[in-house]
Protein backbone atom coordinates (compact mmCIF):
# COMPACT_ATOMS: atom_id res chain seq x y z
CA MET A 1 108.01 -48.27 32.85
CA GLU A 2 107.15 -44.66 33.56
CA ARG A 3 105.13 -45.73 36.61
CA LEU A 4 108.13 -47.64 38.01
CA TYR A 5 110.31 -44.59 37.56
CA ILE A 6 107.77 -42.45 39.44
CA LEU A 7 107.62 -44.98 42.29
CA TYR A 8 111.41 -45.14 42.45
CA SER A 9 111.68 -41.34 42.59
CA ALA A 10 109.04 -41.13 45.32
CA ALA A 11 110.82 -43.81 47.38
CA ALA A 12 114.17 -42.04 46.98
CA ALA A 13 112.63 -38.73 48.03
CA ALA A 14 111.01 -40.34 51.07
CA ALA A 15 114.30 -41.98 52.07
CA THR A 16 116.10 -38.63 51.73
CA VAL A 17 113.51 -36.92 53.93
CA LEU A 18 113.82 -39.66 56.54
CA LEU A 19 117.61 -39.41 56.56
CA LEU A 20 117.48 -35.63 56.92
CA ALA A 21 114.96 -35.94 59.75
CA ALA A 22 117.13 -38.52 61.53
CA ARG A 23 120.19 -36.32 61.12
CA LEU A 24 118.32 -33.30 62.45
CA ALA A 25 117.04 -35.29 65.44
CA ALA A 26 120.56 -36.58 66.18
CA GLY A 27 121.91 -33.03 66.02
CA LEU A 28 119.23 -31.80 68.42
CA ARG A 29 119.96 -34.65 70.84
CA ALA A 30 123.70 -33.90 70.70
CA ARG A 31 123.03 -30.21 71.32
CA ARG A 32 120.82 -30.98 74.32
CA ARG A 33 123.46 -33.37 75.67
CA ARG A 34 126.20 -30.75 75.34
CA SER A 35 124.02 -28.16 77.05
CA ARG A 36 123.19 -30.59 79.85
CA ASP A 37 126.85 -31.55 80.28
CA ALA A 38 127.89 -27.89 80.45
CA VAL A 39 125.38 -27.19 83.23
CA LEU A 40 126.21 -30.38 85.11
CA GLY A 41 129.95 -29.81 84.69
CA SER A 42 129.69 -26.33 86.21
CA ARG A 43 127.77 -27.81 89.17
CA TYR A 44 130.41 -30.50 89.63
CA LEU A 45 133.18 -27.90 89.53
CA HIS A 46 131.38 -25.74 92.11
CA ILE A 47 130.89 -28.73 94.43
CA LEU A 48 134.51 -29.79 93.99
CA MET A 49 135.90 -26.34 94.82
CA LEU A 50 133.72 -26.14 97.95
CA ALA A 51 134.95 -29.57 99.04
CA LEU A 52 138.59 -28.57 98.52
CA ALA A 53 138.05 -25.39 100.52
CA ALA A 54 136.23 -27.15 103.36
CA GLY A 55 138.67 -30.05 103.82
CA ASP A 56 136.31 -31.79 106.26
CA GLY A 57 137.39 -35.32 105.33
CA LYS A 58 134.17 -36.28 103.58
CA ALA A 59 133.62 -36.99 99.91
CA PRO A 60 130.94 -34.60 98.59
CA ARG A 61 127.77 -35.78 96.92
CA PHE A 62 127.61 -35.16 93.17
CA PRO A 63 124.05 -35.12 91.80
CA LEU A 64 122.91 -37.28 88.86
CA ILE A 65 126.13 -39.30 89.05
CA ARG A 66 124.34 -42.42 87.77
CA ARG A 67 123.22 -40.66 84.62
CA SER A 68 124.94 -41.71 81.39
CA GLY A 69 128.15 -39.74 80.90
CA ALA A 70 128.10 -38.19 84.39
CA ARG A 71 130.99 -40.26 85.75
CA LEU A 72 133.14 -39.32 82.77
CA LEU A 73 132.19 -35.68 83.31
CA LEU A 74 133.26 -35.91 86.95
CA ALA A 75 136.59 -37.49 85.97
CA GLU A 76 137.18 -34.72 83.41
CA THR A 77 136.35 -32.07 86.03
CA LEU A 78 138.81 -33.52 88.54
CA ALA A 79 141.57 -33.94 85.94
CA GLY A 80 140.99 -30.38 84.68
CA VAL A 81 141.29 -28.90 88.17
CA VAL A 82 144.45 -30.91 88.86
CA SER A 83 146.09 -29.87 85.58
CA ALA A 84 145.34 -26.17 86.19
CA THR A 85 146.32 -26.06 89.88
CA TYR A 86 149.70 -26.35 91.62
CA GLY A 87 150.28 -27.32 95.24
CA LEU A 88 146.84 -28.90 95.51
CA ASP A 89 146.11 -31.19 98.46
CA SER A 90 145.57 -34.60 96.90
CA GLU A 91 143.76 -36.20 99.85
CA PRO A 92 140.30 -34.74 99.11
CA LEU A 93 140.72 -35.84 95.51
CA ARG A 94 141.70 -39.35 96.61
CA ARG A 95 138.55 -39.56 98.73
CA ILE A 96 136.40 -38.56 95.76
CA VAL A 97 138.14 -41.04 93.44
CA ALA A 98 137.70 -43.81 96.00
CA ALA A 99 134.07 -42.94 96.84
CA TYR A 100 132.96 -42.97 93.20
CA ARG A 101 135.49 -45.61 92.06
CA LEU A 102 136.61 -43.39 89.21
CA ASP A 103 139.91 -45.20 88.73
CA THR A 104 138.19 -48.60 88.42
CA TRP A 105 135.59 -47.15 86.07
CA LEU A 106 138.28 -45.58 83.86
CA LEU A 107 140.30 -48.80 83.80
CA ARG A 108 137.26 -50.65 82.49
CA ARG A 109 136.81 -48.02 79.79
CA VAL A 110 140.50 -48.30 78.88
CA ALA A 111 140.20 -52.07 78.48
CA ARG A 112 137.03 -51.83 76.36
CA SER A 113 138.20 -49.07 74.02
CA SER A 114 141.01 -48.62 71.52
CA GLY A 115 142.98 -45.97 69.68
CA TYR A 116 142.61 -42.34 70.70
CA ARG A 117 139.59 -43.06 72.89
CA ARG A 118 141.79 -45.39 74.97
CA ALA A 119 144.49 -42.69 75.10
CA ARG A 120 141.92 -40.21 76.39
CA TYR A 121 140.90 -42.49 79.28
CA LEU A 122 144.56 -43.10 80.14
CA TRP A 123 145.21 -39.36 80.11
CA LEU A 124 142.34 -38.86 82.57
CA LEU A 125 143.82 -41.55 84.82
CA ALA A 126 147.14 -39.69 84.77
CA GLY A 127 145.34 -36.58 86.01
CA LEU A 128 143.78 -38.33 89.01
CA PRO A 129 145.50 -39.46 92.20
CA ALA A 130 146.24 -43.04 91.15
CA SER A 131 147.65 -45.99 93.06
CA ALA A 132 150.58 -48.23 92.14
CA GLU A 133 148.06 -50.96 91.34
CA VAL A 134 146.40 -48.77 88.72
CA ALA A 135 149.80 -47.95 87.21
CA ALA A 136 150.68 -51.63 87.05
CA ARG A 137 147.46 -52.40 85.18
CA CYS A 138 148.31 -49.66 82.67
CA ALA A 139 151.83 -50.99 82.05
CA ARG A 140 150.70 -53.38 79.32
CA TYR A 141 149.59 -50.48 77.13
CA ARG A 142 153.19 -49.39 76.66
CA ALA A 143 153.31 -51.98 73.84
CA SER A 144 150.30 -50.52 72.04
CA ARG A 145 150.57 -49.83 68.31
CA ASN A 146 149.18 -46.33 68.93
CA ARG A 147 151.89 -43.82 69.90
CA CYS A 148 149.43 -41.66 71.85
CA VAL A 149 148.29 -44.67 73.91
CA ARG A 150 151.91 -45.55 74.70
CA PHE A 151 152.67 -42.04 75.92
CA CYS A 152 149.47 -41.71 77.99
CA ALA A 153 150.26 -45.06 79.63
CA LEU A 154 153.68 -43.63 80.51
CA MET A 155 152.06 -40.51 82.00
CA THR A 156 149.77 -42.67 84.14
CA ARG A 157 152.75 -44.59 85.52
CA LEU A 158 154.77 -41.39 86.11
CA ALA A 159 151.91 -39.83 88.07
CA ALA A 160 151.37 -42.96 90.17
CA ASP A 161 155.04 -43.64 91.01
CA PRO A 162 157.33 -40.60 90.51
CA SER A 163 160.28 -42.44 92.07
CA THR A 164 160.63 -44.51 88.89
CA ALA A 165 160.45 -41.50 86.54
CA LEU A 166 164.02 -41.66 85.24
CA ARG A 167 163.81 -45.36 84.42
CA LEU A 168 160.37 -45.08 82.83
CA MET A 169 161.35 -42.14 80.61
CA ALA A 170 164.64 -43.78 79.63
CA ASP A 171 162.84 -47.01 78.67
CA HIS A 172 160.21 -45.23 76.58
CA THR A 173 160.86 -46.27 73.00
CA ASP A 174 159.44 -43.23 71.18
CA PRO A 175 161.46 -39.99 70.97
CA PHE A 176 159.59 -37.34 72.94
CA SER A 177 157.95 -34.65 70.86
CA ALA A 178 157.77 -31.04 72.06
CA GLY A 179 154.14 -31.56 73.11
CA GLU A 180 154.98 -34.69 75.08
CA VAL A 181 157.82 -32.93 76.89
CA ALA A 182 155.34 -30.16 77.78
CA GLU A 183 152.97 -32.76 79.30
CA ILE A 184 155.81 -34.15 81.42
CA MET A 185 156.68 -30.62 82.52
CA THR A 186 153.09 -30.21 83.69
CA LEU A 187 153.60 -33.12 86.10
CA LEU A 188 156.87 -31.60 87.26
CA ARG A 189 155.34 -28.17 87.92
CA ARG A 190 152.62 -29.84 89.96
CA GLY A 191 155.39 -31.19 92.21
CA MET A 192 154.79 -34.80 91.17
CA LEU A 193 158.24 -35.33 89.60
CA PRO A 194 160.96 -34.09 91.97
CA ILE A 195 163.80 -34.45 89.42
CA ALA A 196 167.13 -32.59 89.38
CA TYR A 197 168.19 -31.25 86.00
CA GLU A 198 171.85 -32.38 86.08
CA PRO A 199 171.27 -36.17 85.82
CA LEU A 200 168.98 -35.46 82.89
CA VAL A 201 171.18 -33.15 80.80
CA GLU A 202 174.20 -35.38 81.43
CA SER A 203 172.36 -38.57 80.48
CA PRO A 204 173.24 -40.28 77.18
CA VAL A 205 169.52 -41.02 76.64
CA ARG A 206 167.94 -38.58 74.21
CA ASN A 207 164.53 -38.40 75.95
CA LEU A 208 166.07 -37.62 79.33
CA ARG A 209 168.20 -34.86 77.82
CA MET A 210 165.15 -33.29 76.17
CA VAL A 211 163.32 -33.19 79.49
CA GLY A 212 166.43 -31.80 81.22
CA LEU A 213 166.77 -29.00 78.66
CA SER A 214 163.11 -28.14 79.10
CA ILE A 215 163.58 -27.93 82.88
CA VAL A 216 166.57 -25.60 82.46
CA ARG A 217 164.64 -23.36 80.06
CA GLN A 218 161.39 -23.13 82.00
CA PHE A 219 163.01 -22.54 85.39
CA GLY A 220 165.81 -20.27 84.09
CA ILE A 221 168.68 -22.30 85.57
CA GLU A 222 171.73 -20.24 84.56
CA GLU A 223 174.07 -22.62 86.39
CA ALA A 224 173.46 -25.11 83.57
CA GLU A 225 175.36 -22.96 81.05
CA ALA A 226 178.44 -25.22 80.96
CA HIS A 227 176.24 -28.28 80.32
CA LEU A 228 174.41 -26.48 77.53
CA LEU A 229 177.62 -25.42 75.80
CA ARG A 230 178.88 -28.98 75.95
CA ILE A 231 175.69 -30.26 74.29
CA VAL A 232 175.84 -27.50 71.67
CA GLU A 233 179.40 -28.44 70.77
CA GLN A 234 179.45 -32.22 71.10
CA ASP A 235 175.97 -33.68 70.65
CA GLU A 236 175.58 -35.25 67.22
CA ALA A 237 171.77 -35.31 67.40
CA PRO A 238 170.73 -32.12 65.57
CA GLU A 239 167.56 -31.59 67.59
CA LEU A 240 169.41 -31.80 70.93
CA GLY A 241 172.12 -29.36 69.89
CA ARG A 242 169.50 -27.02 68.50
CA GLU A 243 167.39 -27.27 71.66
CA ALA A 244 170.44 -26.51 73.82
CA LEU A 245 171.19 -23.47 71.66
CA TYR A 246 167.64 -22.16 72.00
CA THR A 247 167.85 -22.75 75.74
CA LEU A 248 170.99 -20.61 75.94
CA CYS A 249 169.09 -17.87 74.11
CA SER A 250 166.12 -18.10 76.48
CA LEU A 251 168.55 -17.70 79.41
CA ARG A 252 170.06 -14.67 77.58
CA ARG A 253 173.58 -15.99 77.99
CA PRO A 254 176.48 -14.63 75.87
CA LEU A 255 176.49 -16.40 72.50
CA ALA A 256 179.81 -15.20 71.07
CA ARG A 257 181.38 -18.56 71.92
CA ARG A 258 183.42 -21.05 69.93
CA GLU A 259 180.90 -23.82 70.67
CA VAL A 260 178.00 -21.75 69.34
CA ALA A 261 179.94 -20.76 66.21
CA GLU A 262 180.72 -24.43 65.48
CA ARG A 263 177.07 -25.41 65.85
CA LEU A 264 175.94 -22.54 63.60
CA ARG A 265 178.30 -23.66 60.86
CA ARG A 266 176.64 -27.10 60.86
CA MET A 267 173.11 -25.67 60.61
CA GLU A 268 171.22 -25.20 57.35
CA ALA A 269 170.30 -21.69 56.19
CA PRO A 270 166.56 -21.96 57.15
CA GLU A 271 167.54 -23.15 60.64
CA ARG A 272 169.96 -20.25 61.03
CA LYS A 273 167.28 -17.75 60.03
CA ALA A 274 164.79 -19.27 62.46
CA LEU A 275 167.43 -18.98 65.20
CA MET A 276 168.07 -15.33 64.26
CA ARG A 277 164.38 -14.56 64.66
CA TYR A 278 164.41 -16.14 68.10
CA MET A 279 167.55 -14.22 69.07
CA ALA A 280 165.93 -10.96 67.99
CA ARG A 281 162.87 -11.73 70.13
CA GLU A 282 165.16 -12.39 73.09
CA GLY A 283 166.79 -8.97 72.67
CA TYR A 284 170.30 -9.78 71.37
CA SER A 285 171.89 -6.76 69.69
CA PRO A 286 173.67 -7.07 66.30
CA ALA A 287 176.95 -6.05 67.92
CA ALA A 288 176.77 -8.95 70.40
CA LEU A 289 176.49 -11.47 67.53
CA HIS A 290 178.78 -9.76 65.02
CA LYS A 291 181.26 -12.64 64.92
CA LEU A 292 178.65 -15.40 64.55
CA PHE A 293 177.15 -14.42 61.21
CA GLY A 294 178.67 -13.67 57.82
CA GLU A 295 178.39 -10.55 55.74
CA ARG A 296 175.28 -11.82 53.95
CA GLU A 297 173.38 -12.64 57.14
CA ARG A 298 174.14 -9.55 59.21
CA PRO A 299 171.80 -7.20 57.28
CA TYR A 300 168.96 -9.70 57.78
CA TYR A 301 169.53 -9.82 61.53
CA GLU A 302 169.83 -6.04 61.75
CA SER A 303 166.50 -5.67 59.93
CA LEU A 304 164.92 -8.08 62.43
CA VAL A 305 166.22 -6.09 65.39
CA LYS A 306 164.94 -2.83 63.89
CA SER A 307 161.50 -4.33 63.28
CA TYR A 308 161.26 -5.49 66.88
CA LYS A 309 162.36 -2.08 68.16
CA ARG A 310 159.66 -0.48 66.04
CA CYS A 311 157.02 -2.85 67.50
CA LEU A 312 158.12 -1.99 71.03
CA ALA A 313 158.02 1.75 70.30
CA CYS A 314 154.44 1.47 69.02
CA ARG A 315 153.15 -0.10 72.24
């Protein structure tokens, strides 16, 4: 019996050593792969920037493109440059996508994957110059059970056919989150969604209004003040009224209005305090908001303003 116990212990120890060795080897392989990808990615970025600067009508040659993971690395490099650059000529990028068939390759990966991996491939497709055919093949993923996949499929279709943006966003079943609105704004800043703000803020569709409010805030459109006050006063959706109120603050418009006072009365105490902190950051003086807050809240706002003044004086 004692001999069996010794044999069992020795076998368990050997199995533990083998598992640790396998884990160490896997870690070393992953580290070498990350190091190789970093070097290759920097080479791809350098080649891409030279090709964009030259504009000679030829697709550049990317080394080691047949190596495992290289095509994905190239797609990530292209999508990263597109997302960080505005006013970029898309023709050189289209030639690269066509020469290396990146869109076809990504579509195959989308079809063979699921969950967040599928969403990642769709997001990369949205960052590349895509055709209407590619967008049509991504349309079926709008019914996915994964919210991230549904939104990335929407982004792919928006990038491929901006003329249908209003309809696509209105038909999207999920309420846009703040992060999703920011992704849509990235497309707009790249000039891919030429949308006027008025049809959006006047739309009865919640998602369109959220995008419209974001446009007004990011581009500082003061002419939208009347629309914002109407949303603050009338919109029953709390997040829309709150977003319109924050947008008014970001535009630094006068807030001593009847519409603003009505909205403030419907807000909970934590929401009011969060709004006060935002107002203080935007530079509203206590005197300008004297009529909006009660006796109990005014000292809190005054303390916020003094703290911000002290921070500014220390810089």
